[in-house]
N, C-alpha and C. Protein backbone atom coordinates (compact mmCIF):
# COMPACT_ATOMS: atom_id res chain seq x y z
N MET A 1 22.85 36.01 66.57
CA MET A 1 23.33 36.88 65.51
C MET A 1 22.25 37.90 65.15
N PRO A 2 22.59 39.12 64.90
CA PRO A 2 21.58 40.13 64.61
C PRO A 2 20.91 39.97 63.26
N ASP A 3 21.49 39.20 62.31
CA ASP A 3 20.85 39.05 61.01
C ASP A 3 19.96 37.81 60.94
N LEU A 4 19.70 37.19 62.08
CA LEU A 4 18.81 36.04 62.16
C LEU A 4 17.63 36.41 63.05
N LEU A 5 16.44 36.08 62.60
CA LEU A 5 15.23 36.35 63.38
C LEU A 5 14.36 35.10 63.42
N ARG A 6 13.63 34.93 64.49
CA ARG A 6 12.68 33.83 64.58
C ARG A 6 11.45 34.15 63.72
N LYS A 7 10.69 33.12 63.38
CA LYS A 7 9.52 33.29 62.52
C LYS A 7 8.40 34.07 63.19
N ASP A 8 8.44 34.27 64.50
CA ASP A 8 7.36 34.97 65.19
C ASP A 8 7.69 36.44 65.50
N GLU A 9 8.79 36.96 64.97
CA GLU A 9 9.18 38.36 65.19
C GLU A 9 8.83 39.18 63.94
N PHE A 10 7.80 40.03 64.04
CA PHE A 10 7.33 40.82 62.90
C PHE A 10 7.55 42.30 63.11
N ARG A 11 7.73 43.04 62.02
CA ARG A 11 7.83 44.49 62.06
C ARG A 11 6.87 45.12 61.04
N MET A 12 7.20 45.04 59.72
CA MET A 12 6.36 45.64 58.68
C MET A 12 6.34 44.73 57.46
N VAL A 13 5.16 44.52 56.90
CA VAL A 13 4.99 43.66 55.74
C VAL A 13 4.71 44.52 54.52
N CYS A 14 5.46 44.28 53.43
CA CYS A 14 5.29 45.02 52.17
C CYS A 14 4.62 44.12 51.13
N ASP A 15 4.07 44.75 50.10
CA ASP A 15 3.53 44.00 48.97
C ASP A 15 4.69 43.45 48.14
N ILE A 16 4.49 42.28 47.54
CA ILE A 16 5.48 41.71 46.63
C ILE A 16 5.22 42.27 45.23
N ILE A 17 6.27 42.79 44.61
CA ILE A 17 6.21 43.43 43.29
C ILE A 17 6.14 42.36 42.19
N HIS A 18 5.29 42.60 41.19
CA HIS A 18 5.15 41.67 40.06
C HIS A 18 5.48 42.32 38.72
N ASP A 19 6.00 43.53 38.72
CA ASP A 19 6.28 44.28 37.50
C ASP A 19 7.65 43.89 36.92
N PRO A 20 7.67 43.16 35.78
CA PRO A 20 8.95 42.72 35.22
C PRO A 20 9.86 43.89 34.80
N ASP A 21 9.29 45.02 34.41
CA ASP A 21 10.11 46.17 34.04
C ASP A 21 10.91 46.69 35.24
N PHE A 22 10.30 46.67 36.42
CA PHE A 22 11.02 47.08 37.63
C PHE A 22 12.01 46.00 38.05
N LEU A 23 11.57 44.75 38.02
CA LEU A 23 12.39 43.64 38.50
C LEU A 23 13.65 43.40 37.67
N CYS A 24 13.65 43.81 36.40
CA CYS A 24 14.82 43.57 35.55
C CYS A 24 15.88 44.67 35.67
N GLN A 25 15.67 45.62 36.56
CA GLN A 25 16.67 46.67 36.80
C GLN A 25 17.67 46.19 37.86
N LYS A 26 18.95 46.44 37.62
CA LYS A 26 19.97 46.05 38.60
C LYS A 26 19.82 46.87 39.88
N SER A 27 20.10 46.23 40.97
CA SER A 27 20.03 46.89 42.28
C SER A 27 21.35 47.59 42.59
N THR A 28 21.27 48.60 43.44
CA THR A 28 22.45 49.33 43.86
C THR A 28 22.93 48.80 45.21
N GLU A 29 24.16 49.13 45.55
CA GLU A 29 24.76 48.64 46.79
C GLU A 29 23.95 49.08 48.00
N ALA A 30 23.77 48.16 48.93
CA ALA A 30 23.09 48.47 50.19
C ALA A 30 24.10 49.07 51.17
N THR A 31 23.64 50.05 51.92
CA THR A 31 24.49 50.72 52.92
C THR A 31 23.81 50.63 54.29
N GLU A 32 24.49 51.12 55.29
CA GLU A 32 23.92 51.14 56.63
C GLU A 32 22.62 51.94 56.69
N ALA A 33 22.49 52.93 55.83
CA ALA A 33 21.27 53.74 55.77
C ALA A 33 20.07 52.93 55.28
N ASP A 34 20.32 51.76 54.71
CA ASP A 34 19.24 50.92 54.15
C ASP A 34 18.78 49.82 55.10
N LEU A 35 19.23 49.83 56.34
CA LEU A 35 18.90 48.74 57.25
C LEU A 35 17.40 48.64 57.55
N THR A 36 16.65 49.73 57.42
CA THR A 36 15.20 49.62 57.60
C THR A 36 14.58 48.77 56.50
N ILE A 37 15.17 48.80 55.32
CA ILE A 37 14.71 47.94 54.22
C ILE A 37 14.91 46.47 54.61
N ALA A 38 16.02 46.16 55.25
CA ALA A 38 16.28 44.79 55.69
C ALA A 38 15.19 44.31 56.64
N LYS A 39 14.75 45.17 57.54
CA LYS A 39 13.67 44.81 58.47
C LYS A 39 12.37 44.56 57.72
N ASP A 40 12.05 45.44 56.77
CA ASP A 40 10.83 45.25 55.97
C ASP A 40 10.92 43.97 55.14
N LEU A 41 12.10 43.69 54.59
CA LEU A 41 12.30 42.49 53.79
C LEU A 41 12.07 41.24 54.63
N LEU A 42 12.61 41.22 55.84
CA LEU A 42 12.42 40.08 56.73
C LEU A 42 10.97 39.91 57.15
N ASP A 43 10.31 41.00 57.47
CA ASP A 43 8.90 40.92 57.86
C ASP A 43 8.04 40.39 56.72
N THR A 44 8.32 40.86 55.52
CA THR A 44 7.55 40.41 54.36
C THR A 44 7.82 38.93 54.09
N LEU A 45 9.06 38.52 54.23
CA LEU A 45 9.39 37.10 54.04
C LEU A 45 8.69 36.24 55.09
N LYS A 46 8.75 36.67 56.34
CA LYS A 46 8.10 35.89 57.41
C LYS A 46 6.60 35.77 57.19
N ALA A 47 5.98 36.83 56.68
CA ALA A 47 4.54 36.80 56.44
C ALA A 47 4.17 35.90 55.26
N ASN A 48 5.14 35.61 54.40
CA ASN A 48 4.87 34.82 53.19
C ASN A 48 5.67 33.53 53.11
N TRP A 49 6.34 33.14 54.18
CA TRP A 49 7.29 32.04 54.12
C TRP A 49 6.68 30.70 53.72
N ASP A 50 5.39 30.51 53.91
CA ASP A 50 4.77 29.23 53.55
C ASP A 50 4.77 28.99 52.05
N HIS A 51 4.88 30.05 51.24
CA HIS A 51 4.93 29.90 49.77
C HIS A 51 6.07 30.70 49.15
N CYS A 52 6.90 31.31 49.98
CA CYS A 52 7.95 32.20 49.48
C CYS A 52 9.17 32.06 50.41
N PRO A 53 10.11 31.15 50.09
CA PRO A 53 11.23 30.92 51.00
C PRO A 53 12.38 31.92 50.89
N PHE A 54 12.27 32.91 49.98
CA PHE A 54 13.31 33.93 49.85
C PHE A 54 12.69 35.20 49.27
N LEU A 55 13.37 36.31 49.45
CA LEU A 55 13.02 37.57 48.80
C LEU A 55 14.30 38.36 48.53
N ALA A 56 14.29 39.12 47.46
CA ALA A 56 15.30 40.14 47.22
C ALA A 56 14.61 41.48 47.43
N ALA A 57 15.36 42.50 47.79
CA ALA A 57 14.76 43.80 48.10
C ALA A 57 13.95 44.37 46.93
N ASN A 58 14.37 44.09 45.69
CA ASN A 58 13.59 44.62 44.57
C ASN A 58 12.20 43.99 44.49
N MET A 59 12.02 42.84 45.11
CA MET A 59 10.72 42.18 45.12
C MET A 59 9.73 42.88 46.05
N ILE A 60 10.24 43.81 46.89
CA ILE A 60 9.35 44.64 47.72
C ILE A 60 9.48 46.11 47.32
N GLY A 61 9.99 46.34 46.11
CA GLY A 61 10.03 47.69 45.56
C GLY A 61 11.26 48.51 45.91
N LYS A 62 12.30 47.89 46.43
CA LYS A 62 13.53 48.60 46.81
C LYS A 62 14.69 48.05 46.00
N ARG A 63 15.32 48.88 45.19
CA ARG A 63 16.42 48.43 44.34
C ARG A 63 17.75 48.50 45.09
N LYS A 64 17.88 47.64 46.07
CA LYS A 64 19.09 47.53 46.87
C LYS A 64 19.59 46.09 46.83
N ARG A 65 20.91 45.90 46.86
CA ARG A 65 21.50 44.55 46.85
C ARG A 65 21.35 43.96 48.25
N MET A 66 20.18 43.36 48.44
CA MET A 66 19.83 42.82 49.75
C MET A 66 18.89 41.64 49.54
N ILE A 67 19.15 40.54 50.22
CA ILE A 67 18.30 39.37 50.11
C ILE A 67 18.00 38.83 51.51
N ALA A 68 16.93 38.06 51.59
CA ALA A 68 16.59 37.34 52.82
C ALA A 68 16.06 35.98 52.42
N PHE A 69 16.36 34.98 53.24
CA PHE A 69 15.87 33.63 52.93
C PHE A 69 15.65 32.86 54.22
N CYS A 70 14.81 31.85 54.10
CA CYS A 70 14.48 30.99 55.23
C CYS A 70 15.47 29.82 55.22
N ASN A 71 16.12 29.61 56.35
CA ASN A 71 17.08 28.52 56.49
C ASN A 71 16.72 27.76 57.76
N GLY A 72 15.86 26.75 57.60
CA GLY A 72 15.35 26.03 58.77
C GLY A 72 14.42 26.93 59.55
N PRO A 73 14.59 27.01 60.88
CA PRO A 73 13.70 27.84 61.70
C PRO A 73 14.08 29.33 61.71
N LEU A 74 15.16 29.68 61.03
CA LEU A 74 15.66 31.05 61.07
C LEU A 74 15.60 31.72 59.71
N PHE A 75 15.55 33.04 59.75
CA PHE A 75 15.63 33.85 58.54
C PHE A 75 16.99 34.52 58.53
N VAL A 76 17.60 34.60 57.35
CA VAL A 76 18.92 35.19 57.19
C VAL A 76 18.79 36.36 56.22
N VAL A 77 19.45 37.46 56.53
CA VAL A 77 19.51 38.60 55.61
C VAL A 77 20.97 38.81 55.21
N MET A 78 21.17 39.09 53.92
CA MET A 78 22.51 39.36 53.39
C MET A 78 22.48 40.68 52.63
N LEU A 79 23.39 41.56 52.94
CA LEU A 79 23.56 42.81 52.21
C LEU A 79 24.74 42.64 51.26
N ASN A 80 24.55 43.06 50.04
CA ASN A 80 25.59 43.02 49.00
C ASN A 80 26.18 41.63 48.81
N PRO A 81 25.33 40.60 48.69
CA PRO A 81 25.85 39.24 48.53
C PRO A 81 26.49 39.04 47.15
N GLU A 82 27.56 38.28 47.14
CA GLU A 82 28.26 37.91 45.90
C GLU A 82 28.69 36.47 46.01
N ILE A 83 28.47 35.72 44.95
CA ILE A 83 28.95 34.33 44.89
C ILE A 83 30.40 34.37 44.44
N ILE A 84 31.29 33.80 45.25
CA ILE A 84 32.71 33.84 44.91
C ILE A 84 33.27 32.45 44.59
N GLY A 85 32.44 31.43 44.71
CA GLY A 85 32.86 30.08 44.36
C GLY A 85 31.65 29.18 44.25
N HIS A 86 31.78 28.09 43.48
CA HIS A 86 30.65 27.17 43.31
C HIS A 86 31.13 25.82 42.80
N THR A 87 30.36 24.78 43.09
CA THR A 87 30.60 23.43 42.57
C THR A 87 29.27 22.75 42.34
N GLY A 88 29.30 21.70 41.54
CA GLY A 88 28.12 20.85 41.34
C GLY A 88 27.05 21.46 40.47
N GLU A 89 27.38 21.82 39.23
CA GLU A 89 26.40 22.43 38.33
C GLU A 89 25.26 21.45 38.01
N TYR A 90 24.05 21.98 37.98
CA TYR A 90 22.88 21.20 37.59
C TYR A 90 21.83 22.14 37.01
N GLU A 91 20.81 21.59 36.38
CA GLU A 91 19.72 22.40 35.83
C GLU A 91 18.52 22.32 36.77
N SER A 92 17.99 23.47 37.11
CA SER A 92 16.86 23.57 38.02
C SER A 92 15.66 24.15 37.28
N GLU A 93 14.48 23.76 37.70
CA GLU A 93 13.25 24.39 37.20
C GLU A 93 12.64 25.11 38.40
N GLU A 94 12.55 26.45 38.29
CA GLU A 94 12.17 27.25 39.44
C GLU A 94 10.94 28.10 39.18
N GLU A 95 10.23 28.34 40.28
CA GLU A 95 9.14 29.31 40.29
C GLU A 95 9.65 30.53 41.05
N CYS A 96 8.95 31.64 40.86
CA CYS A 96 9.33 32.88 41.54
C CYS A 96 8.09 33.52 42.13
N PRO A 97 8.18 34.01 43.36
CA PRO A 97 7.02 34.68 43.97
C PRO A 97 6.58 35.94 43.21
N SER A 98 7.47 36.51 42.39
CA SER A 98 7.15 37.73 41.66
C SER A 98 6.61 37.48 40.25
N LEU A 99 6.84 36.29 39.71
CA LEU A 99 6.49 36.01 38.32
C LEU A 99 5.71 34.70 38.21
N GLU A 100 4.90 34.59 37.19
CA GLU A 100 4.14 33.36 36.97
C GLU A 100 4.96 32.36 36.17
N GLY A 101 4.68 31.10 36.37
CA GLY A 101 5.30 30.04 35.59
C GLY A 101 6.61 29.55 36.18
N LYS A 102 7.19 28.57 35.48
CA LYS A 102 8.46 27.98 35.88
C LYS A 102 9.48 28.25 34.78
N ARG A 103 10.74 28.38 35.20
CA ARG A 103 11.84 28.64 34.28
C ARG A 103 13.02 27.74 34.63
N LYS A 104 13.74 27.31 33.59
CA LYS A 104 14.93 26.50 33.81
C LYS A 104 16.13 27.42 33.98
N ARG A 105 16.98 27.07 34.96
CA ARG A 105 18.17 27.86 35.26
C ARG A 105 19.33 26.93 35.60
N LYS A 106 20.53 27.36 35.28
CA LYS A 106 21.73 26.66 35.71
C LYS A 106 21.98 27.07 37.16
N ARG A 107 22.18 26.09 38.02
CA ARG A 107 22.46 26.33 39.43
C ARG A 107 23.64 25.48 39.86
N TYR A 108 24.10 25.73 41.07
CA TYR A 108 25.20 24.97 41.66
C TYR A 108 24.73 24.41 43.00
N SER A 109 25.12 23.18 43.29
CA SER A 109 24.67 22.54 44.52
C SER A 109 25.37 23.09 45.76
N SER A 110 26.54 23.71 45.56
CA SER A 110 27.26 24.30 46.68
C SER A 110 27.85 25.64 46.21
N ILE A 111 27.67 26.67 47.03
CA ILE A 111 28.22 27.99 46.68
C ILE A 111 28.95 28.59 47.88
N VAL A 112 29.92 29.42 47.59
CA VAL A 112 30.60 30.21 48.62
C VAL A 112 30.14 31.65 48.38
N VAL A 113 29.63 32.27 49.43
CA VAL A 113 29.06 33.61 49.31
C VAL A 113 29.78 34.55 50.28
N THR A 114 29.99 35.77 49.83
CA THR A 114 30.47 36.83 50.70
C THR A 114 29.36 37.88 50.78
N TRP A 115 29.15 38.46 51.96
CA TRP A 115 28.09 39.45 52.17
C TRP A 115 28.40 40.25 53.42
N GLN A 116 27.58 41.26 53.66
CA GLN A 116 27.62 42.01 54.91
C GLN A 116 26.37 41.66 55.71
N ASP A 117 26.54 41.54 57.03
CA ASP A 117 25.39 41.30 57.88
C ASP A 117 24.75 42.63 58.27
N THR A 118 23.76 42.60 59.12
CA THR A 118 23.04 43.83 59.48
C THR A 118 23.84 44.74 60.42
N GLU A 119 25.02 44.30 60.82
CA GLU A 119 25.95 45.17 61.54
C GLU A 119 27.05 45.67 60.61
N MET A 120 26.86 45.42 59.31
CA MET A 120 27.78 45.82 58.24
C MET A 120 29.14 45.13 58.36
N LYS A 121 29.16 43.96 59.02
CA LYS A 121 30.38 43.16 59.11
C LYS A 121 30.45 42.23 57.90
N GLN A 122 31.64 42.11 57.33
CA GLN A 122 31.85 41.23 56.18
C GLN A 122 31.82 39.78 56.64
N ARG A 123 31.10 38.96 55.90
CA ARG A 123 30.97 37.53 56.21
C ARG A 123 31.25 36.72 54.95
N THR A 124 31.67 35.50 55.13
CA THR A 124 31.83 34.54 54.04
C THR A 124 31.34 33.21 54.56
N GLY A 125 30.59 32.49 53.72
CA GLY A 125 30.08 31.20 54.14
C GLY A 125 29.76 30.32 52.95
N THR A 126 29.60 29.05 53.22
CA THR A 126 29.25 28.06 52.20
C THR A 126 27.81 27.62 52.43
N LEU A 127 27.05 27.57 51.36
CA LEU A 127 25.67 27.09 51.40
C LEU A 127 25.54 25.92 50.45
N ASP A 128 24.75 24.94 50.85
CA ASP A 128 24.54 23.74 50.04
C ASP A 128 23.06 23.51 49.82
N GLY A 129 22.75 22.72 48.80
CA GLY A 129 21.38 22.26 48.56
C GLY A 129 20.39 23.38 48.31
N PHE A 130 19.23 23.27 48.97
CA PHE A 130 18.14 24.20 48.74
C PHE A 130 18.51 25.63 49.12
N ALA A 131 19.23 25.81 50.23
CA ALA A 131 19.66 27.16 50.63
C ALA A 131 20.53 27.79 49.55
N ALA A 132 21.42 27.00 48.95
CA ALA A 132 22.27 27.51 47.86
C ALA A 132 21.41 27.92 46.66
N GLN A 133 20.42 27.13 46.34
CA GLN A 133 19.53 27.45 45.22
C GLN A 133 18.75 28.74 45.49
N LEU A 134 18.23 28.90 46.68
CA LEU A 134 17.49 30.12 47.03
C LEU A 134 18.36 31.36 46.91
N VAL A 135 19.58 31.28 47.41
CA VAL A 135 20.47 32.44 47.38
C VAL A 135 20.86 32.77 45.95
N GLN A 136 21.09 31.76 45.12
CA GLN A 136 21.41 32.03 43.72
C GLN A 136 20.26 32.74 43.02
N HIS A 137 19.03 32.29 43.27
CA HIS A 137 17.85 32.92 42.68
C HIS A 137 17.73 34.37 43.16
N ALA A 138 17.90 34.59 44.45
CA ALA A 138 17.77 35.93 45.01
C ALA A 138 18.86 36.87 44.47
N ILE A 139 20.08 36.38 44.34
CA ILE A 139 21.16 37.20 43.78
C ILE A 139 20.87 37.53 42.32
N ASP A 140 20.28 36.59 41.58
CA ASP A 140 19.84 36.90 40.21
C ASP A 140 18.93 38.12 40.22
N HIS A 141 18.00 38.18 41.16
CA HIS A 141 17.12 39.34 41.27
C HIS A 141 17.92 40.63 41.48
N CYS A 142 18.92 40.59 42.35
CA CYS A 142 19.76 41.77 42.58
C CYS A 142 20.45 42.22 41.30
N ASN A 143 20.75 41.27 40.44
CA ASN A 143 21.44 41.56 39.18
C ASN A 143 20.48 41.88 38.04
N GLY A 144 19.19 41.97 38.33
CA GLY A 144 18.21 42.30 37.30
C GLY A 144 17.86 41.13 36.39
N ILE A 145 18.18 39.92 36.80
CA ILE A 145 17.89 38.72 36.00
C ILE A 145 16.57 38.15 36.46
N LEU A 146 15.61 38.09 35.54
CA LEU A 146 14.30 37.55 35.87
C LEU A 146 14.35 36.02 35.83
N VAL A 147 13.89 35.40 36.89
CA VAL A 147 13.89 33.93 36.97
C VAL A 147 12.46 33.46 37.11
């Protein structure tokens, strides 16, 4: 799949943004013209994956609805992700690569997500456990919610 890359494929690494004023701004829809941002997002995630299992584009200074996360040996990128279903509510205590400290958040153990891949094809899938938690956190970033 074109939206999956191995951990040894690098392109460009960006700095991770720590400015809460920037991070609390909502992101705009990602388009095909923004695919270079997806590459930068993946490279930055791969370079930081040992302490950063996900990134949203605003975390590298780009206000686009785009996220990337580590799912086992592969990295996944989602453009314009939206949660359309969920089950198993629980309270999580999370850290964020962009902010200091831990925060409590309501999360779901299973989510159904719709998104576009890097070929701009519409996808829908179910994520469970840690992957579901990562995607929920990253989508919060797209919505300007600081976690």
